[in-house]
N, C-alpha and C. Protein backbone atom coordinates (compact mmCIF):
# COMPACT_ATOMS: atom_id res chain seq x y z
N MET A 1 0.75 -1.26 0.06
CA MET A 1 -0.19 0.04 -0.08
C MET A 1 0.75 1.25 -0.10
N ALA A 2 1.80 0.91 0.49
CA ALA A 2 2.72 2.34 0.62
C ALA A 2 3.42 2.86 -0.70
N VAL A 3 3.92 1.41 -0.84
CA VAL A 3 4.44 1.82 -2.56
C VAL A 3 3.45 2.54 -3.47
N THR A 4 2.36 1.98 -3.59
CA THR A 4 1.36 2.31 -4.21
C THR A 4 0.64 3.79 -3.68
N ALA A 5 0.71 4.12 -2.69
CA ALA A 5 0.30 5.45 -2.37
C ALA A 5 1.66 6.59 -3.08
N LEU A 6 2.85 6.20 -3.07
CA LEU A 6 3.81 7.04 -3.46
C LEU A 6 4.19 7.10 -5.00
N ARG A 7 3.73 5.79 -6.06
CA ARG A 7 3.66 5.52 -7.31
C ARG A 7 2.89 6.17 -7.93
N GLY A 8 1.62 5.51 -7.18
CA GLY A 8 -0.17 6.26 -7.90
C GLY A 8 -0.38 4.77 -8.94
N ASN A 9 0.16 3.78 -8.48
CA ASN A 9 -0.32 2.56 -9.38
C ASN A 9 0.38 1.50 -8.39
N ILE A 10 -0.03 0.21 -9.04
CA ILE A 10 0.68 -1.23 -8.73
C ILE A 10 0.75 -1.98 -9.81
N ASP A 11 1.85 -2.42 -9.68
CA ASP A 11 2.25 -3.26 -11.06
C ASP A 11 3.72 -4.12 -10.53
N LEU A 12 4.35 -4.54 -11.33
CA LEU A 12 5.42 -5.95 -10.74
C LEU A 12 6.38 -4.89 -10.43
N VAL A 13 6.84 -3.61 -10.87
CA VAL A 13 7.85 -2.89 -10.66
C VAL A 13 7.74 -2.54 -9.20
N SER A 14 6.35 -2.14 -8.44
CA SER A 14 6.03 -2.14 -6.79
C SER A 14 6.79 -3.12 -5.77
N PHE A 15 7.29 -4.27 -6.60
CA PHE A 15 7.44 -5.43 -5.48
C PHE A 15 9.07 -5.52 -5.87
N GLY A 16 9.79 -4.69 -6.56
CA GLY A 16 11.15 -4.91 -6.89
C GLY A 16 11.91 -4.28 -5.77
N ASP A 17 12.98 -4.85 -5.49
CA ASP A 17 14.01 -3.88 -4.55
C ASP A 17 14.13 -2.75 -4.64
N GLU A 18 13.96 -2.09 -5.48
CA GLU A 18 14.08 -0.63 -5.64
C GLU A 18 13.10 0.08 -4.64
N TYR A 19 12.11 -0.59 -4.88
CA TYR A 19 10.76 0.22 -3.79
C TYR A 19 11.04 -0.72 -2.41
N LEU A 20 11.16 -2.01 -2.33
CA LEU A 20 11.10 -2.37 -1.03
C LEU A 20 12.21 -2.43 -0.22
N HIS A 21 13.11 -1.50 -0.47
CA HIS A 21 14.22 -0.93 0.67
C HIS A 21 14.21 0.31 0.36
N ASN A 22 13.42 0.75 -0.30
CA ASN A 22 13.45 2.43 -0.31
C ASN A 22 12.98 3.11 1.15
N ASP A 23 14.02 3.82 1.34
CA ASP A 23 13.78 4.71 3.05
C ASP A 23 12.68 5.50 2.89
N GLN A 24 12.06 6.02 2.11
CA GLN A 24 10.56 6.56 1.90
C GLN A 24 9.62 5.68 1.88
N VAL A 25 9.56 4.52 1.40
CA VAL A 25 8.61 3.46 1.46
C VAL A 25 8.47 3.06 2.77
N ARG A 26 9.74 2.74 3.36
CA ARG A 26 9.62 1.92 4.86
C ARG A 26 9.06 3.16 5.53
N LYS A 27 9.03 4.34 5.77
CA LYS A 27 8.43 5.50 6.47
C LYS A 27 7.34 5.49 6.40
N LEU A 28 6.63 5.00 5.24
CA LEU A 28 5.53 5.21 4.95
C LEU A 28 4.86 3.88 5.33
N MET A 29 5.21 2.94 5.15
CA MET A 29 4.88 1.62 5.71
C MET A 29 4.54 1.88 7.25
N ALA A 30 5.31 2.16 8.08
CA ALA A 30 4.89 2.07 9.59
C ALA A 30 3.35 3.02 9.56
N LYS A 31 3.60 4.24 8.52
CA LYS A 31 1.80 4.72 9.06
C LYS A 31 0.88 4.57 8.39
N VAL A 32 0.91 2.83 7.71
CA VAL A 32 -0.24 2.17 6.93
C VAL A 32 -0.51 1.15 7.94
N THR A 33 -1.82 0.89 8.10
CA THR A 33 -2.43 -0.40 8.39
C THR A 33 -3.72 -0.91 7.54
N VAL A 34 -3.55 -2.03 7.66
CA VAL A 34 -4.61 -2.68 6.74
C VAL A 34 -5.29 -3.69 7.46
N SER A 35 -6.61 -3.36 7.48
CA SER A 35 -7.60 -4.24 8.68
C SER A 35 -8.84 -4.81 7.30
N ALA A 36 -9.25 -5.93 8.29
CA ALA A 36 -10.59 -6.73 7.51
C ALA A 36 -11.89 -6.00 7.60
N SER A 37 -12.93 -6.09 7.07
CA SER A 37 -13.89 -5.26 6.86
C SER A 37 -15.23 -5.99 6.71
N ALA A 38 -16.00 -6.36 7.53
CA ALA A 38 -17.14 -7.69 7.43
C ALA A 38 -18.15 -6.59 6.27
N GLU A 39 -17.96 -5.50 6.12
CA GLU A 39 -18.86 -4.76 5.16
C GLU A 39 -18.45 -5.24 3.78
N LEU A 40 -17.00 -4.87 3.44
CA LEU A 40 -16.53 -5.16 2.28
C LEU A 40 -16.18 -6.84 1.95
N ASP A 41 -15.86 -7.56 2.91
CA ASP A 41 -16.13 -9.20 2.90
C ASP A 41 -17.57 -9.66 2.44
N SER A 42 -18.42 -9.02 2.63
CA SER A 42 -19.90 -9.09 1.80
C SER A 42 -20.12 -9.35 0.63
N HIS A 43 -19.29 -8.64 -0.33
CA HIS A 43 -19.02 -8.48 -1.46
C HIS A 43 -18.02 -9.60 -2.52
N PHE A 44 -17.57 -10.44 -1.32
CA PHE A 44 -16.15 -11.37 -2.21
C PHE A 44 -17.45 -12.53 -2.03
N PRO A 45 -17.03 -13.31 -2.78
CA PRO A 45 -15.93 -13.42 -3.85
C PRO A 45 -16.31 -12.73 -5.15
N LYS A 46 -17.52 -12.26 -5.35
CA LYS A 46 -17.81 -11.57 -6.82
C LYS A 46 -16.96 -10.53 -7.19
N TYR A 47 -16.56 -9.35 -6.04
CA TYR A 47 -15.91 -8.83 -6.17
C TYR A 47 -14.72 -8.28 -5.20
N TRP A 48 -13.51 -7.75 -5.33
CA TRP A 48 -12.57 -7.60 -4.50
C TRP A 48 -12.61 -6.27 -4.01
N SER A 49 -13.51 -5.99 -3.29
CA SER A 49 -13.79 -4.62 -2.95
C SER A 49 -12.88 -3.96 -1.88
N GLY A 50 -12.89 -2.60 -1.68
CA GLY A 50 -11.65 -1.96 -0.79
C GLY A 50 -11.82 -0.79 -0.52
N ARG A 51 -11.68 0.00 0.46
CA ARG A 51 -11.50 1.13 1.11
C ARG A 51 -10.56 2.08 1.26
N VAL A 52 -10.02 3.13 0.73
CA VAL A 52 -8.64 3.56 1.27
C VAL A 52 -9.16 4.91 2.38
N THR A 53 -8.75 4.85 3.43
CA THR A 53 -8.83 6.07 4.30
C THR A 53 -7.87 6.69 4.51
N VAL A 54 -7.39 8.13 4.24
CA VAL A 54 -6.22 8.79 4.46
C VAL A 54 -6.61 10.07 5.63
N ARG A 55 -5.85 9.58 7.07
CA ARG A 55 -6.28 10.43 8.05
C ARG A 55 -5.02 11.95 8.45
N LEU A 56 -5.14 12.59 7.77
CA LEU A 56 -4.51 14.06 7.68
C LEU A 56 -3.74 14.25 9.12
N ARG A 57 -2.69 15.36 9.14
CA ARG A 57 -2.53 15.69 10.68
C ARG A 57 -3.10 16.36 11.20
N ASP A 58 -3.99 17.11 11.16
CA ASP A 58 -4.74 18.27 11.23
C ASP A 58 -6.41 17.72 11.76
N GLY A 59 -6.46 15.79 11.25
CA GLY A 59 -7.17 15.21 12.27
C GLY A 59 -8.49 15.02 10.66
N GLN A 60 -8.22 15.58 9.80
CA GLN A 60 -9.34 15.19 8.66
C GLN A 60 -9.01 14.35 8.08
N THR A 61 -10.19 13.63 7.51
CA THR A 61 -10.03 12.13 6.66
C THR A 61 -10.57 12.32 5.74
N HIS A 62 -10.29 11.41 4.65
CA HIS A 62 -10.67 11.45 3.46
C HIS A 62 -10.48 10.28 2.97
N SER A 63 -11.77 9.69 2.68
CA SER A 63 -11.99 8.02 2.27
C SER A 63 -12.96 7.70 1.03
N GLU A 64 -12.20 6.57 0.35
CA GLU A 64 -12.56 6.35 -1.24
C GLU A 64 -13.03 4.62 -1.17
N LEU A 65 -13.92 4.41 -1.33
CA LEU A 65 -14.88 2.98 -1.50
C LEU A 65 -15.02 2.72 -2.88
N ILE A 66 -14.08 1.32 -3.13
CA ILE A 66 -14.68 0.79 -4.56
C ILE A 66 -15.22 -0.35 -4.16
N ILE A 67 -16.36 -0.47 -4.48
CA ILE A 67 -17.34 -2.08 -4.33
C ILE A 67 -17.08 -2.51 -5.79
N VAL A 68 -16.86 -2.43 -6.70
CA VAL A 68 -16.58 -2.88 -8.11
C VAL A 68 -15.29 -2.43 -8.36
N PRO A 69 -14.03 -3.18 -8.39
CA PRO A 69 -12.79 -2.74 -8.68
C PRO A 69 -12.62 -2.44 -10.05
N LYS A 70 -11.50 -1.88 -10.70
CA LYS A 70 -11.65 -1.68 -12.16
C LYS A 70 -10.88 -3.03 -12.55
N GLY A 71 -11.48 -3.44 -14.07
CA GLY A 71 -11.12 -4.87 -14.64
C GLY A 71 -12.44 -5.52 -14.58
N GLU A 72 -13.05 -5.11 -13.42
CA GLU A 72 -14.36 -5.98 -13.19
C GLU A 72 -15.50 -6.10 -14.31
N SER A 73 -16.58 -6.85 -14.76
CA SER A 73 -17.60 -6.23 -16.15
C SER A 73 -18.37 -5.30 -15.54
N GLY A 74 -18.35 -4.61 -14.27
CA GLY A 74 -19.13 -3.59 -13.76
C GLY A 74 -18.38 -2.36 -14.08
N ASN A 75 -17.10 -2.72 -14.10
CA ASN A 75 -16.14 -1.47 -14.24
C ASN A 75 -14.92 -1.80 -15.09
N ALA A 76 -15.31 -2.01 -16.33
CA ALA A 76 -14.47 -2.19 -17.10
C ALA A 76 -13.43 -1.63 -17.65
N MET A 77 -12.09 -2.03 -18.03
CA MET A 77 -10.69 -1.21 -18.44
C MET A 77 -10.96 -0.48 -19.99
N THR A 78 -10.57 0.35 -20.04
CA THR A 78 -10.48 0.57 -21.50
C THR A 78 -9.46 0.32 -22.28
N TRP A 79 -9.43 -0.27 -23.53
CA TRP A 79 -8.20 -0.45 -24.50
C TRP A 79 -7.04 0.20 -24.05
N GLU A 80 -6.82 1.41 -24.01
CA GLU A 80 -5.45 2.10 -23.16
C GLU A 80 -5.11 1.51 -21.98
N GLU A 81 -6.23 1.51 -21.06
CA GLU A 81 -5.75 0.87 -19.92
C GLU A 81 -4.96 -0.71 -20.01
N ILE A 82 -5.81 -1.55 -20.90
CA ILE A 82 -5.22 -2.96 -21.12
C ILE A 82 -4.16 -2.74 -21.77
N GLU A 83 -3.77 -1.84 -22.59
CA GLU A 83 -2.72 -2.23 -23.28
C GLU A 83 -1.26 -1.29 -22.30
N GLU A 84 -1.68 -1.04 -21.11
CA GLU A 84 -0.73 -0.05 -20.31
C GLU A 84 -0.59 -1.40 -19.14
N LYS A 85 -1.65 -2.08 -18.65
CA LYS A 85 -1.51 -3.36 -17.94
C LYS A 85 -0.37 -4.17 -18.75
N PHE A 86 -0.82 -4.48 -19.58
CA PHE A 86 -0.40 -5.65 -20.43
C PHE A 86 1.23 -5.32 -20.49
N LEU A 87 1.65 -4.04 -21.15
CA LEU A 87 2.59 -3.56 -20.90
C LEU A 87 3.75 -3.52 -19.74
N SER A 88 3.12 -3.30 -18.53
CA SER A 88 3.50 -3.10 -17.31
C SER A 88 3.93 -4.68 -16.79
N LEU A 89 3.45 -5.49 -17.19
CA LEU A 89 3.44 -7.16 -17.02
C LEU A 89 4.12 -7.77 -17.86
N ALA A 90 4.51 -7.41 -19.36
CA ALA A 90 4.84 -8.12 -20.32
C ALA A 90 6.31 -7.78 -20.84
N ALA A 91 6.60 -6.19 -20.67
CA ALA A 91 7.82 -5.93 -21.09
C ALA A 91 9.09 -6.48 -20.01
N PRO A 92 8.92 -6.31 -18.93
CA PRO A 92 10.05 -6.97 -18.34
C PRO A 92 10.61 -8.16 -18.38
N VAL A 93 9.35 -9.24 -19.09
CA VAL A 93 9.66 -10.42 -19.42
C VAL A 93 10.38 -10.61 -20.89
N LEU A 94 9.28 -10.18 -21.69
CA LEU A 94 9.54 -9.92 -23.41
C LEU A 94 10.35 -9.12 -23.97
N GLY A 95 10.46 -7.82 -22.55
CA GLY A 95 11.12 -6.63 -23.68
C GLY A 95 10.19 -5.84 -24.18
N ASP A 96 10.25 -4.01 -24.18
CA ASP A 96 9.11 -3.66 -24.52
C ASP A 96 8.74 -3.48 -26.12
N GLU A 97 9.70 -3.86 -27.13
CA GLU A 97 9.43 -4.33 -28.37
C GLU A 97 8.54 -5.45 -28.94
N LYS A 98 8.94 -6.79 -28.16
CA LYS A 98 8.19 -7.78 -28.55
C LYS A 98 6.84 -7.47 -27.59
N ALA A 99 6.59 -6.75 -26.48
CA ALA A 99 5.18 -6.67 -25.86
C ALA A 99 4.26 -5.70 -27.03
N ARG A 100 5.02 -4.90 -27.43
CA ARG A 100 4.24 -3.86 -28.12
C ARG A 100 3.63 -4.56 -29.45
N SER A 101 4.42 -5.46 -30.08
CA SER A 101 4.42 -6.30 -31.28
C SER A 101 3.17 -7.12 -30.67
N ALA A 102 2.95 -7.79 -29.47
CA ALA A 102 1.95 -8.57 -29.34
C ALA A 102 0.94 -8.04 -29.46
N ILE A 103 0.78 -6.42 -28.70
CA ILE A 103 -0.48 -5.85 -28.72
C ILE A 103 -1.14 -5.83 -30.10
N HIS A 104 -0.09 -5.20 -31.09
CA HIS A 104 -0.46 -5.27 -32.50
C HIS A 104 -1.04 -6.46 -33.10
N GLU A 105 -0.75 -7.50 -32.70
CA GLU A 105 -1.05 -8.89 -33.23
C GLU A 105 -2.42 -9.00 -32.59
N VAL A 106 -2.22 -8.73 -31.37
CA VAL A 106 -3.95 -8.92 -30.98
C VAL A 106 -4.94 -8.11 -31.22
N ASP A 107 -4.43 -6.60 -31.69
CA ASP A 107 -5.48 -6.03 -32.41
C ASP A 107 -5.92 -6.21 -33.68
N SER A 108 -4.81 -7.21 -34.31
CA SER A 108 -5.31 -7.40 -35.80
C SER A 108 -5.67 -9.15 -35.82
N LEU A 109 -5.76 -9.65 -34.78
CA LEU A 109 -6.26 -11.14 -35.25
C LEU A 109 -7.36 -11.39 -35.84
N ASP A 110 -8.18 -10.45 -35.92
CA ASP A 110 -9.88 -10.65 -36.80
C ASP A 110 -9.23 -10.63 -38.44
N SER A 111 -8.08 -10.02 -38.60
CA SER A 111 -7.66 -10.17 -40.23
C SER A 111 -6.89 -11.35 -40.14
N ARG A 112 -6.41 -11.96 -39.49
CA ARG A 112 -5.35 -12.91 -39.09
C ARG A 112 -6.09 -14.42 -39.53
N ASP A 113 -5.20 -15.55 -40.65
CA ASP A 113 -5.59 -16.88 -40.56
C ASP A 113 -5.12 -17.72 -39.36
N SER A 114 -3.95 -17.16 -38.85
CA SER A 114 -3.22 -18.04 -37.68
C SER A 114 -2.83 -17.04 -36.82
N LEU A 115 -2.71 -17.81 -35.47
CA LEU A 115 -2.07 -17.27 -34.23
C LEU A 115 -0.65 -17.39 -34.11
N GLU A 116 -0.40 -18.05 -35.48
CA GLU A 116 1.04 -18.10 -35.40
C GLU A 116 2.28 -16.74 -35.01
N PRO A 117 1.39 -15.63 -35.76
CA PRO A 117 2.60 -14.31 -35.27
C PRO A 117 2.20 -13.69 -34.36
N LEU A 118 1.27 -13.79 -33.10
CA LEU A 118 1.00 -13.66 -31.95
C LEU A 118 1.54 -14.29 -30.95
N LEU A 119 1.84 -15.89 -31.44
CA LEU A 119 2.74 -16.75 -30.42
C LEU A 119 3.93 -16.17 -30.78
N ALA A 120 4.64 -16.26 -31.86
CA ALA A 120 5.68 -15.84 -31.99
C ALA A 120 6.32 -14.55 -31.13
N THR A 121 5.10 -13.68 -31.01
CA THR A 121 5.88 -12.44 -29.99
C THR A 121 5.67 -12.87 -28.67
N LEU A 122 4.93 -13.98 -28.37
CA LEU A 122 4.95 -14.08 -27.00
C LEU A 122 6.17 -14.94 -26.41
N LYS A 123 6.81 -15.32 -27.44
CA LYS A 123 8.02 -16.37 -27.01
C LYS A 123 9.19 -15.98 -26.43
N VAL A 124 9.66 -16.52 -25.28
CA VAL A 124 10.64 -15.59 -24.39
C VAL A 124 11.88 -16.24 -24.95
N SER A 125 12.66 -15.25 -25.31
CA SER A 125 13.86 -15.59 -25.94
C SER A 125 15.03 -16.36 -25.03
N GLU A 126 15.64 -17.64 -25.10
CA GLU A 126 16.51 -18.07 -24.36
C GLU A 126 17.70 -17.93 -24.24
């Protein structure tokens, strides 16, 4: 949660040594608590709901509740968001160029007779 608060998003990079051993992250981690909620648990397993509450130094609190997370059928991702997520997950494994090629191949599947070009872009070099 601390890394997400600092970066503004969560992806595989969030779990790398750069962030897990970062002093700024460690300081924020000391201020973060995670707790269960019967209210939110009632939506599981259909949804993985969540709430984030930020308490400021002056005592003010700000809270955001998400019942239907992004990516669920009731809160679908845009094509751009899907591309961004795919690149964040695939580029570290395939390389940026191959990951972008895979997106292009998926986008042109309706005009292809074979999955071979797509499968070739997804093959990890040994």
